[in-house]
């Protein structure tokens, strides 16, 4: 289906994926491309508008990223953000110089012209600044449309072109009217119609799968129980029915009830051909005595591939392998819409299945962000406990057990984790938290159990709750102390071998969401 697309040129912005998501929240399709994209490539994408992102460089710097002049001459409406504004202004004759002072954080913005970009925006509003350079001298082709105490040209418009530049960041939540500003650009400047709807996205994905797979070939999907692989399986089943075969490798490192949930959802509810490979003993035997986190990951990844390969051999008519590759994976791998590769970072879904397995890939989610995947899952009728479940690491509980992974320690952590999830669900916190889990620490602590002191075999469980929009950054959740108290009490009283519970209040960065 032909659809309106906003093309975002990425000049190294910290927030470039957030820009793309903000556009899509307004039901407009967006793609991110490197600055070297050509005018012809932009035309081929069906662009109705361009956004030039921010970035850490100075436009007057020796190696500053630039776009082709032809891109600015396409006649498309353009929104330049921070560096993107400075670059376009400089390419059209303005001067960009270091500001008298750097401007970071919340700043009061005075709107001088409320037509188009600032329609429905108050004359004075708060915006988020993050810049050291400014557009110091403009040609007569530009007019300032907003200013701040530290930046005379905090927003500009071109007199004869459909170009708008903002020195601040409308894509971040710290700019309260940023959503309105972006909407004004999309609908008033670019004439978008809001055709990026979940129903249409789902319909297009199903049609694309049918076209790629044809009328006779079989697709194998490696189910993990997570939202991405589950939505992939539901999409492909919608497209080709019983020519989909799913393989779930039970590595013994899953959460409580994981296998039953996948089985009941796909075998019983969707009537999907599902194979559950019970390989728990194989994985746990290979992990015996392993402490190093990276070694754990390598062992689990290689063992998964071996088990999956053996299971896949049974499907002689299978030509395709389904993977839950998402749009952020595509962007970070440098294989975006322009066809150029930059900052290569390999992403392997479904446990890291290698190309030598001999399948053609089906990746129906490769244009979607995680929140869009969840909405597609809802549209397809997947149960809420799958669509909205928290992320779970590929190596499972093995990387939430610090130190050696044993059957006993797995059982202990699984029981504690179950209590954590039960309590946050009961308290109405589950959907307020991006990720919640327990971590078993490799230490014993002294305690008092009954009438005596205890030490040997008494473990510590750390509780980790984080809030995050995209997991690039995350903060600890400032949750109800009563909730934490109930979790600690239940874990200590109900999980034999735990006598202490602690709460992790580290942010990302410098910490990560997971402990290993």
Protein backbone atom coordinates (compact mmCIF):
# COMPACT_ATOMS: atom_id res chain seq x y z
CA UNK A 1 0.00 0.00 0.00
CA UNK A 2 1.24 3.51 -0.82
CA UNK A 3 1.44 5.69 2.29
CA UNK A 4 2.71 9.07 3.37
CA UNK A 5 6.23 8.88 4.81
CA UNK A 6 8.32 11.33 6.79
CA UNK A 7 12.03 10.75 6.17
CA UNK A 8 14.31 11.56 9.11
CA UNK A 9 17.96 12.30 8.38
CA UNK A 10 20.04 11.15 11.33
CA UNK A 11 23.01 13.40 12.11
CA UNK A 12 23.95 11.39 15.19
CA UNK A 13 21.09 12.48 17.42
CA UNK A 14 20.65 10.90 20.82
CA UNK A 15 16.89 11.17 20.29
CA UNK A 16 16.54 10.13 16.64
CA UNK A 17 14.47 7.01 17.39
CA UNK A 18 12.28 9.12 19.64
CA UNK A 19 11.65 11.52 16.74
CA UNK A 20 10.52 8.61 14.58
CA UNK A 21 8.24 7.28 17.30
CA UNK A 22 6.71 10.71 17.90
CA UNK A 23 5.85 10.94 14.21
CA UNK A 24 4.24 7.50 14.26
CA UNK A 25 2.25 8.37 17.36
CA UNK A 26 0.45 10.80 15.06
CA UNK A 27 -0.36 7.88 12.71
CA UNK A 28 2.23 8.91 10.13
CA UNK A 29 4.86 6.49 8.83
CA UNK A 30 8.49 7.47 9.41
CA UNK A 31 11.88 6.09 8.40
CA UNK A 32 15.38 6.98 9.60
CA UNK A 33 18.18 7.32 7.05
CA UNK A 34 21.84 8.40 7.22
CA UNK A 35 22.77 11.92 6.08
CA UNK A 36 24.33 10.58 2.87
CA UNK A 37 20.93 9.58 1.49
CA UNK A 38 20.33 10.78 -2.05
CA UNK A 39 17.41 12.78 -3.37
CA UNK A 40 16.38 9.84 -5.56
CA UNK A 41 16.33 7.49 -2.56
CA UNK A 42 14.10 9.92 -0.68
CA UNK A 43 11.72 10.13 -3.63
CA UNK A 44 11.59 6.33 -3.79
CA UNK A 45 10.50 6.22 -0.14
CA UNK A 46 7.39 8.25 -0.94
CA UNK A 47 8.45 11.12 1.29
CA UNK A 48 5.99 13.93 1.94
CA UNK A 49 8.30 15.72 4.36
CA UNK A 50 11.79 15.70 5.90
CA UNK A 51 13.04 16.06 9.45
CA UNK A 52 16.70 16.90 9.99
CA UNK A 53 17.72 15.56 13.39
CA UNK A 54 19.97 17.01 16.02
CA UNK A 55 23.51 15.81 16.56
CA UNK A 56 26.66 16.34 18.64
CA UNK A 57 28.77 18.04 15.93
CA UNK A 58 29.16 21.70 15.01
CA UNK A 59 28.18 22.52 11.43
CA UNK A 60 31.43 24.46 10.98
CA UNK A 61 33.52 21.50 12.18
CA UNK A 62 35.89 19.73 9.82
CA UNK A 63 34.14 16.35 9.85
CA UNK A 64 30.61 17.56 10.52
CA UNK A 65 27.95 15.39 8.84
CA UNK A 66 26.12 17.07 5.99
CA UNK A 67 23.38 16.18 3.56
CA UNK A 68 23.38 16.73 -0.17
CA UNK A 69 22.16 20.19 -1.30
CA UNK A 70 19.83 18.35 -3.69
CA UNK A 71 17.97 16.91 -0.69
CA UNK A 72 17.03 20.41 0.47
CA UNK A 73 15.89 21.27 -3.07
CA UNK A 74 13.30 18.48 -3.33
CA UNK A 75 10.54 20.95 -2.55
CA UNK A 76 9.39 18.96 0.49
CA UNK A 77 8.45 20.59 3.79
CA UNK A 78 11.42 20.39 6.17
CA UNK A 79 11.69 20.58 9.95
CA UNK A 80 15.21 21.09 11.25
CA UNK A 81 15.80 20.23 14.90
CA UNK A 82 18.84 21.70 16.73
CA UNK A 83 21.82 20.67 14.53
CA UNK A 84 19.37 20.07 11.68
CA UNK A 85 18.14 23.65 11.91
CA UNK A 86 21.68 25.03 12.03
CA UNK A 87 22.79 22.94 9.04
CA UNK A 88 19.91 23.96 6.78
CA UNK A 89 20.23 27.61 7.75
CA UNK A 90 23.98 27.51 7.10
CA UNK A 91 23.49 25.81 3.72
CA UNK A 92 21.09 28.63 2.79
CA UNK A 93 23.46 31.43 3.76
CA UNK A 94 23.11 31.93 7.53
CA UNK A 95 26.00 32.09 10.00
CA UNK A 96 26.31 29.49 12.76
CA UNK A 97 28.70 30.30 15.60
CA UNK A 98 29.28 29.30 19.22
CA UNK A 99 26.72 30.94 21.48
CA UNK A 100 27.68 33.38 24.19
CA UNK A 101 26.60 30.70 26.64
CA UNK A 102 25.52 27.11 26.28
CA UNK A 103 21.84 26.39 26.79
CA UNK A 104 20.85 23.10 28.41
CA UNK A 105 17.66 22.02 30.10
CA UNK A 106 14.27 23.70 30.41
CA UNK A 107 14.03 27.18 28.96
CA UNK A 108 11.16 29.62 28.53
CA UNK A 109 10.27 30.15 24.87
CA UNK A 110 8.52 33.27 23.55
CA UNK A 111 6.53 32.52 20.41
CA UNK A 112 6.66 35.43 17.94
CA UNK A 113 4.52 33.93 15.17
CA UNK A 114 1.80 31.39 15.95
CA UNK A 115 0.95 30.44 12.36
CA UNK A 116 1.64 26.89 11.07
CA UNK A 117 4.38 25.45 13.34
CA UNK A 118 3.18 27.13 16.55
CA UNK A 119 -0.55 26.96 15.94
CA UNK A 120 -2.41 26.16 19.20
CA UNK A 121 0.80 26.75 21.20
CA UNK A 122 0.80 29.41 23.98
CA UNK A 123 2.74 32.62 23.42
CA UNK A 124 5.06 31.56 26.24
CA UNK A 125 5.90 27.92 26.87
CA UNK A 126 8.67 25.73 28.24
CA UNK A 127 11.05 23.86 25.90
CA UNK A 128 14.07 21.58 26.29
CA UNK A 129 17.37 22.97 25.02
CA UNK A 130 20.66 21.15 24.47
CA UNK A 131 23.05 23.24 22.36
CA UNK A 132 26.19 25.33 22.37
CA UNK A 133 25.99 26.79 18.84
CA UNK A 134 23.42 29.25 17.52
CA UNK A 135 22.26 30.71 14.23
CA UNK A 136 23.82 34.12 14.81
CA UNK A 137 23.17 35.89 11.50
CA UNK A 138 20.36 35.00 9.11
CA UNK A 139 19.92 36.02 5.51
CA UNK A 140 16.84 38.03 4.53
CA UNK A 141 15.19 34.76 3.47
CA UNK A 142 14.54 33.80 7.11
CA UNK A 143 12.34 35.19 9.82
CA UNK A 144 12.59 34.34 13.54
CA UNK A 145 9.35 32.87 14.88
CA UNK A 146 10.41 32.18 18.50
CA UNK A 147 13.16 33.21 20.89
CA UNK A 148 14.54 32.46 24.35
CA UNK A 149 16.61 34.67 26.67
CA UNK A 150 19.77 32.94 25.44
CA UNK A 151 18.86 32.35 21.80
CA UNK A 152 17.41 35.07 19.57
CA UNK A 153 16.66 32.56 16.80
CA UNK A 154 15.19 29.73 18.84
CA UNK A 155 12.87 28.96 15.92
CA UNK A 156 12.92 30.23 12.34
CA UNK A 157 10.91 29.94 9.14
CA UNK A 158 11.93 30.48 5.53
CA UNK A 159 9.98 33.17 3.71
CA UNK A 160 9.58 31.32 0.41
CA UNK A 161 10.22 27.65 1.25
CA UNK A 162 8.30 25.31 3.53
CA UNK A 163 11.17 25.16 6.02
CA UNK A 164 10.97 25.46 9.78
CA UNK A 165 13.84 25.19 12.23
CA UNK A 166 13.74 24.83 16.01
CA UNK A 167 16.79 25.07 18.24
CA UNK A 168 15.02 23.09 20.99
CA UNK A 169 13.87 19.46 21.05
CA UNK A 170 10.10 19.05 20.49
CA UNK A 171 10.40 15.25 20.54
CA UNK A 172 11.21 14.97 24.27
CA UNK A 173 8.61 14.95 27.00
CA UNK A 174 10.34 17.92 28.68
CA UNK A 175 8.90 20.13 25.89
CA UNK A 176 5.22 20.12 26.90
CA UNK A 177 3.92 21.47 23.58
CA UNK A 178 6.35 19.41 21.49
CA UNK A 179 3.64 16.95 20.49
CA UNK A 180 1.50 19.80 19.11
CA UNK A 181 4.46 21.31 17.25
CA UNK A 182 5.26 18.00 15.56
CA UNK A 183 1.57 17.49 14.73
CA UNK A 184 1.42 20.97 13.16
CA UNK A 185 4.38 20.14 10.96
CA UNK A 186 2.95 16.77 9.89
CA UNK A 187 -0.62 17.80 9.17
CA UNK A 188 -0.46 21.51 8.36
CA UNK A 189 2.92 21.73 6.61
CA UNK A 190 3.19 18.24 5.05
CA UNK A 191 -0.50 17.49 4.50
CA UNK A 192 -0.33 14.05 6.15
CA UNK A 193 -3.60 12.14 6.49
CA UNK A 194 -2.85 9.73 9.35
CA UNK A 195 -2.77 6.54 7.28
CA UNK A 196 -0.33 4.65 9.57
CA UNK A 197 -2.99 2.72 11.51
CA UNK A 198 -2.52 -0.59 13.31
CA UNK A 199 -5.28 -2.25 11.29
CA UNK A 200 -3.65 -1.24 8.03
CA UNK A 201 -0.16 -2.14 9.28
CA UNK A 202 -1.42 -5.61 10.21
CA UNK A 203 -3.20 -6.03 6.87
CA UNK A 204 -0.09 -4.96 4.94
CA UNK A 205 2.14 -7.33 6.95
CA UNK A 206 -0.16 -10.28 6.26
CA UNK A 207 -0.23 -9.48 2.54
CA UNK A 208 3.56 -9.15 2.46
CA UNK A 209 4.00 -12.55 4.16
CA UNK A 210 1.66 -14.21 1.67
CA UNK A 211 3.50 -12.65 -1.25
CA UNK A 212 6.93 -13.68 0.05
CA UNK A 213 6.08 -17.21 1.15
CA UNK A 214 3.81 -18.19 -1.72
CA UNK A 215 1.15 -20.87 -1.69
CA UNK A 216 3.06 -24.04 -0.76
CA UNK A 217 6.16 -23.39 1.37
CA UNK A 218 6.30 -23.83 5.13
CA UNK A 219 7.61 -21.28 7.66
CA UNK A 220 9.36 -22.22 10.91
CA UNK A 221 9.13 -19.79 13.82
CA UNK A 222 11.21 -20.05 16.97
CA UNK A 223 8.92 -19.07 19.83
CA UNK A 224 10.46 -17.65 22.98
CA UNK A 225 7.29 -16.67 24.81
CA UNK A 226 8.16 -12.97 24.42
CA UNK A 227 5.97 -10.44 22.65
CA UNK A 228 8.08 -10.17 19.46
CA UNK A 229 8.18 -13.85 18.52
CA UNK A 230 4.56 -14.28 19.64
CA UNK A 231 3.32 -11.48 17.37
CA UNK A 232 5.42 -12.85 14.50
CA UNK A 233 3.82 -16.28 14.94
CA UNK A 234 0.31 -14.81 15.12
CA UNK A 235 0.91 -12.71 11.98
CA UNK A 236 2.27 -15.62 9.97
CA UNK A 237 -0.50 -17.92 11.14
CA UNK A 238 -3.01 -15.28 10.01
CA UNK A 239 -1.28 -15.20 6.61
CA UNK A 240 -0.64 -18.89 5.82
CA UNK A 241 -2.52 -20.92 8.44
CA UNK A 242 -1.29 -24.46 9.06
CA UNK A 243 1.84 -23.98 6.95
CA UNK A 244 3.39 -22.38 10.03
CA UNK A 245 5.31 -24.63 12.44
CA UNK A 246 6.57 -23.21 15.74
CA UNK A 247 9.42 -24.55 17.84
CA UNK A 248 9.70 -23.68 21.52
CA UNK A 249 13.00 -24.72 23.09
CA UNK A 250 12.52 -25.26 26.83
CA UNK A 251 15.99 -24.55 28.17
CA UNK A 252 14.99 -24.89 31.83
CA UNK A 253 15.75 -21.20 32.38
CA UNK A 254 12.24 -19.85 31.90
CA UNK A 255 9.92 -18.10 34.31
CA UNK A 256 7.22 -20.02 36.15
CA UNK A 257 4.46 -21.19 33.81
CA UNK A 258 6.24 -20.05 30.63
CA UNK A 259 5.86 -23.31 28.73
CA UNK A 260 2.21 -23.70 29.71
CA UNK A 261 1.41 -20.13 28.62
CA UNK A 262 2.97 -20.59 25.17
CA UNK A 263 1.32 -23.99 24.76
CA UNK A 264 -2.15 -22.77 25.73
CA UNK A 265 -1.88 -19.65 23.58
CA UNK A 266 -0.61 -21.14 20.35
CA UNK A 267 -1.55 -24.81 20.37
CA UNK A 268 -4.94 -24.50 22.02
CA UNK A 269 -6.13 -20.94 21.21
CA UNK A 270 -4.65 -20.43 17.72
CA UNK A 271 -4.40 -24.14 16.82
CA UNK A 272 -0.79 -23.67 15.66
CA UNK A 273 1.52 -26.61 14.97
CA UNK A 274 3.80 -26.29 18.02
CA UNK A 275 6.77 -28.44 19.01
CA UNK A 276 8.07 -28.09 22.57
CA UNK A 277 11.65 -29.35 22.79
CA UNK A 278 12.42 -30.32 26.39
CA UNK A 279 16.15 -29.60 26.60
CA UNK A 280 16.38 -28.38 30.19
CA UNK A 281 18.80 -31.08 31.34
CA UNK A 282 21.06 -30.49 28.34
CA UNK A 283 21.33 -26.73 29.04
CA UNK A 284 21.77 -27.08 32.79
CA UNK A 285 24.43 -29.78 32.44
CA UNK A 286 26.43 -27.54 30.09
CA UNK A 287 26.11 -24.59 32.47
CA UNK A 288 27.38 -26.54 35.47
CA UNK A 289 30.08 -24.59 37.29
CA UNK A 290 30.03 -21.65 34.81
CA UNK A 291 30.20 -18.26 36.53
CA UNK A 292 31.27 -15.77 33.84
CA UNK A 293 28.16 -14.03 32.35
CA UNK A 294 29.49 -13.92 28.80
CA UNK A 295 30.40 -17.61 28.91
CA UNK A 296 26.87 -18.36 30.08
CA UNK A 297 25.45 -16.46 27.11
CA UNK A 298 27.71 -18.21 24.61
CA UNK A 299 26.87 -21.68 25.96
CA UNK A 300 23.15 -20.97 25.97
CA UNK A 301 23.22 -19.44 22.47
CA UNK A 302 25.18 -22.32 20.90
CA UNK A 303 23.12 -24.97 22.65
CA UNK A 304 19.92 -23.29 21.51
CA UNK A 305 21.10 -23.34 17.91
CA UNK A 306 22.01 -27.03 18.12
CA UNK A 307 18.62 -27.98 19.58
CA UNK A 308 16.71 -25.80 17.13
CA UNK A 309 18.66 -27.20 14.19
CA UNK A 310 17.76 -30.77 15.15
CA UNK A 311 14.10 -29.90 15.56
CA UNK A 312 13.98 -28.01 12.26
CA UNK A 313 15.26 -31.04 10.32
CA UNK A 314 11.85 -32.67 10.75
CA UNK A 315 10.19 -30.09 8.49
CA UNK A 316 11.34 -31.10 5.03
CA UNK A 317 9.07 -28.60 3.26
CA UNK A 318 10.25 -25.59 5.31
CA UNK A 319 11.98 -22.92 3.27
CA UNK A 320 11.50 -19.90 5.52
CA UNK A 321 12.54 -18.95 9.06
CA UNK A 322 10.57 -16.23 10.87
CA UNK A 323 12.41 -13.75 13.07
CA UNK A 324 11.21 -10.93 15.30
CA UNK A 325 13.60 -8.27 14.00
CA UNK A 326 12.33 -4.82 15.00
CA UNK A 327 12.99 -1.42 13.44
CA UNK A 328 15.55 -0.38 16.11
CA UNK A 329 17.52 -3.54 15.22
CA UNK A 330 17.50 -2.49 11.57
CA UNK A 331 18.60 1.05 12.39
CA UNK A 332 21.42 -0.03 14.71
CA UNK A 333 22.63 -2.60 12.19
CA UNK A 334 23.00 0.14 9.57
CA UNK A 335 20.62 -1.55 7.11
CA UNK A 336 17.96 1.11 7.04
CA UNK A 337 15.76 2.45 4.29
CA UNK A 338 18.54 4.11 2.29
CA UNK A 339 20.41 0.85 1.86
CA UNK A 340 23.61 2.19 3.43
CA UNK A 341 25.38 0.48 6.31
CA UNK A 342 26.84 2.39 9.23
CA UNK A 343 27.79 1.54 12.80
CA UNK A 344 27.39 -2.18 12.18
CA UNK A 345 25.93 -3.92 15.19
CA UNK A 346 24.69 -7.42 14.57
CA UNK A 347 21.29 -8.38 15.92
CA UNK A 348 20.31 -12.05 15.92
CA UNK A 349 16.81 -12.89 17.00
CA UNK A 350 15.42 -16.22 18.16
CA UNK A 351 18.51 -17.07 20.14
CA UNK A 352 21.03 -16.11 17.47
CA UNK A 353 20.10 -18.46 14.64
CA UNK A 354 22.87 -18.37 12.01
CA UNK A 355 22.46 -17.89 8.27
CA UNK A 356 23.97 -21.32 7.54
CA UNK A 357 20.76 -22.97 8.70
CA UNK A 358 19.75 -22.50 5.08
CA UNK A 359 16.42 -20.67 5.45
CA UNK A 360 15.17 -17.50 3.82
CA UNK A 361 14.16 -14.98 6.47
CA UNK A 362 10.66 -13.67 7.06
CA UNK A 363 10.78 -10.53 9.21
CA UNK A 364 7.30 -8.99 9.34
CA UNK A 365 8.12 -6.62 12.23
CA UNK A 366 11.22 -5.00 10.77
CA UNK A 367 9.43 -1.65 10.23
CA UNK A 368 7.90 -1.51 13.71
CA UNK A 369 8.85 -0.21 17.13
CA UNK A 370 8.05 -2.25 20.24
CA UNK A 371 4.92 -0.26 21.13
CA UNK A 372 3.59 -0.80 17.60
CA UNK A 373 4.30 -4.53 17.87
CA UNK A 374 2.19 -4.66 21.02
CA UNK A 375 -0.72 -2.93 19.28
CA UNK A 376 -0.52 -5.40 16.38
CA UNK A 377 -0.58 -8.23 18.93
CA UNK A 378 -3.74 -6.81 20.48
CA UNK A 379 -5.31 -6.45 17.04
CA UNK A 380 -4.57 -10.13 16.33
CA UNK A 381 -6.18 -11.23 19.58
CA UNK A 382 -3.13 -12.30 21.56
CA UNK A 383 -3.81 -12.44 25.32
CA UNK A 384 -2.81 -9.46 27.43
CA UNK A 385 -0.33 -11.49 29.49
CA UNK A 386 1.74 -12.04 26.34
CA UNK A 387 1.26 -8.68 24.60
CA UNK A 388 2.11 -6.58 27.66
CA UNK A 389 4.56 -8.85 29.44
CA UNK A 390 7.86 -7.37 30.51
CA UNK A 391 11.02 -8.03 28.49
CA UNK A 392 12.89 -11.21 29.38
CA UNK A 393 16.56 -11.81 28.45
CA UNK A 394 17.36 -14.45 25.86
CA UNK A 395 19.54 -16.45 28.29
CA UNK A 396 16.64 -16.41 30.75
CA UNK A 397 17.15 -16.70 34.48
CA UNK A 398 20.77 -17.75 33.95
CA UNK A 399 21.80 -14.07 33.80
CA UNK A 400 19.66 -13.21 36.81
CA UNK A 401 21.52 -15.75 38.92
CA UNK A 402 24.88 -14.22 39.72
CA UNK A 403 27.39 -17.03 39.96
CA UNK A 404 26.79 -20.68 39.19
CA UNK A 405 23.44 -21.81 37.78
CA UNK A 406 22.09 -24.87 39.56
CA UNK A 407 18.67 -26.48 39.64
CA UNK A 408 18.30 -25.50 43.29
CA UNK A 409 19.19 -21.85 42.71
CA UNK A 410 16.88 -21.74 39.67
CA UNK A 411 13.98 -23.03 41.73
CA UNK A 412 14.69 -20.46 44.43
CA UNK A 413 14.84 -17.49 42.03
CA UNK A 414 11.81 -18.71 40.05
CA UNK A 415 9.75 -18.81 43.24
CA UNK A 416 10.90 -15.33 44.29
CA UNK A 417 10.27 -13.91 40.81
CA UNK A 418 6.75 -15.34 40.80
CA UNK A 419 5.97 -13.58 44.08
CA UNK A 420 7.35 -10.27 42.73
CA UNK A 421 5.12 -10.41 39.65
CA UNK A 422 2.06 -11.51 41.64
CA UNK A 423 2.42 -8.61 44.04
CA UNK A 424 2.92 -5.87 41.44
CA UNK A 425 -0.06 -7.17 39.48
CA UNK A 426 -2.23 -7.20 42.60
CA UNK A 427 -1.14 -3.65 43.45
CA UNK A 428 -1.85 -2.34 39.93
CA UNK A 429 1.82 -1.59 39.26
CA UNK A 430 2.59 -4.09 36.50
CA UNK A 431 1.71 -1.82 33.57
CA UNK A 432 3.41 1.17 35.23
CA UNK A 433 6.76 -0.64 35.24
CA UNK A 434 8.78 -1.33 32.09
CA UNK A 435 10.60 -4.30 33.62
CA UNK A 436 10.37 -6.00 37.01
CA UNK A 437 12.34 -9.00 38.22
CA UNK A 438 14.42 -10.56 40.95
CA UNK A 439 18.15 -11.28 40.96
CA UNK A 440 19.76 -13.98 43.09
CA UNK A 441 23.04 -12.73 44.53
CA UNK A 442 26.05 -14.99 45.14
CA UNK A 443 26.33 -14.16 48.83
CA UNK A 444 25.04 -15.53 52.12
CA UNK A 445 23.95 -13.19 54.91
CA UNK A 446 23.40 -13.76 58.58
CA UNK A 447 19.83 -13.65 59.81
CA UNK A 448 17.52 -14.74 62.58
CA UNK A 449 15.14 -17.53 61.66
CA UNK A 450 13.02 -18.71 64.57
CA UNK A 451 15.05 -18.71 67.77
CA UNK A 452 18.49 -18.97 66.22
CA UNK A 453 20.91 -17.22 63.93
CA UNK A 454 21.14 -18.51 60.37
CA UNK A 455 23.87 -18.08 57.80
CA UNK A 456 24.72 -21.14 55.71
CA UNK A 457 22.52 -21.43 52.66
CA UNK A 458 20.74 -18.12 53.31
CA UNK A 459 20.66 -16.03 50.14
CA UNK A 460 19.91 -12.44 49.10
CA UNK A 461 17.37 -11.52 46.42
CA UNK A 462 17.64 -8.10 44.79
CA UNK A 463 14.42 -6.62 43.37
CA UNK A 464 14.81 -4.53 40.22
CA UNK A 465 12.02 -2.25 38.86
CA UNK A 466 12.84 0.12 35.98
CA UNK A 467 10.85 2.64 34.00
CA UNK A 468 11.89 3.39 30.42
CA UNK A 469 10.41 4.36 27.07
CA UNK A 470 12.98 2.56 24.92
CA UNK A 471 15.53 0.93 27.30
CA UNK A 472 18.30 3.11 25.88
CA UNK A 473 18.04 4.87 29.22
CA UNK A 474 16.11 3.78 32.30
CA UNK A 475 15.48 4.87 35.86
CA UNK A 476 14.51 2.95 38.96
CA UNK A 477 10.84 3.04 39.85
CA UNK A 478 9.84 5.15 42.84
CA UNK A 479 7.17 2.70 43.88
CA UNK A 480 5.05 2.26 46.96
CA UNK A 481 7.10 1.25 50.02
CA UNK A 482 4.19 -0.86 51.20
CA UNK A 483 4.44 -2.87 47.98
CA UNK A 484 8.16 -3.45 48.52
CA UNK A 485 7.44 -4.47 52.09
CA UNK A 486 4.87 -7.07 51.01
CA UNK A 487 7.27 -8.48 48.41
CA UNK A 488 10.11 -8.75 50.91
CA UNK A 489 7.90 -10.35 53.55
CA UNK A 490 6.49 -12.96 51.17
CA UNK A 491 9.86 -13.84 49.60
CA UNK A 492 11.54 -14.29 52.98
CA UNK A 493 8.64 -16.26 54.46
CA UNK A 494 7.74 -18.39 51.44
CA UNK A 495 11.04 -19.04 49.66
CA UNK A 496 13.17 -21.37 51.71
CA UNK A 497 16.77 -20.20 51.64
CA UNK A 498 16.21 -16.42 51.37
CA UNK A 499 16.62 -14.26 54.45
CA UNK A 500 17.20 -10.83 52.92
CA UNK A 501 15.62 -8.76 50.12
CA UNK A 502 17.15 -5.52 48.77
CA UNK A 503 15.90 -2.96 46.22
CA UNK A 504 18.10 -1.78 43.32
CA UNK A 505 17.94 2.02 42.89
CA UNK A 506 20.49 2.33 40.06
CA UNK A 507 19.71 4.17 36.83
CA UNK A 508 20.84 3.33 33.28
CA UNK A 509 23.45 4.63 32.63
CA UNK A 510 25.72 3.94 34.43
CA UNK A 511 24.07 0.64 35.36
CA UNK A 512 22.18 -1.59 32.93
CA UNK A 513 18.67 -2.97 33.30
CA UNK A 514 19.95 -6.51 33.84
CA UNK A 515 22.70 -7.34 36.33
CA UNK A 516 24.68 -9.62 33.97
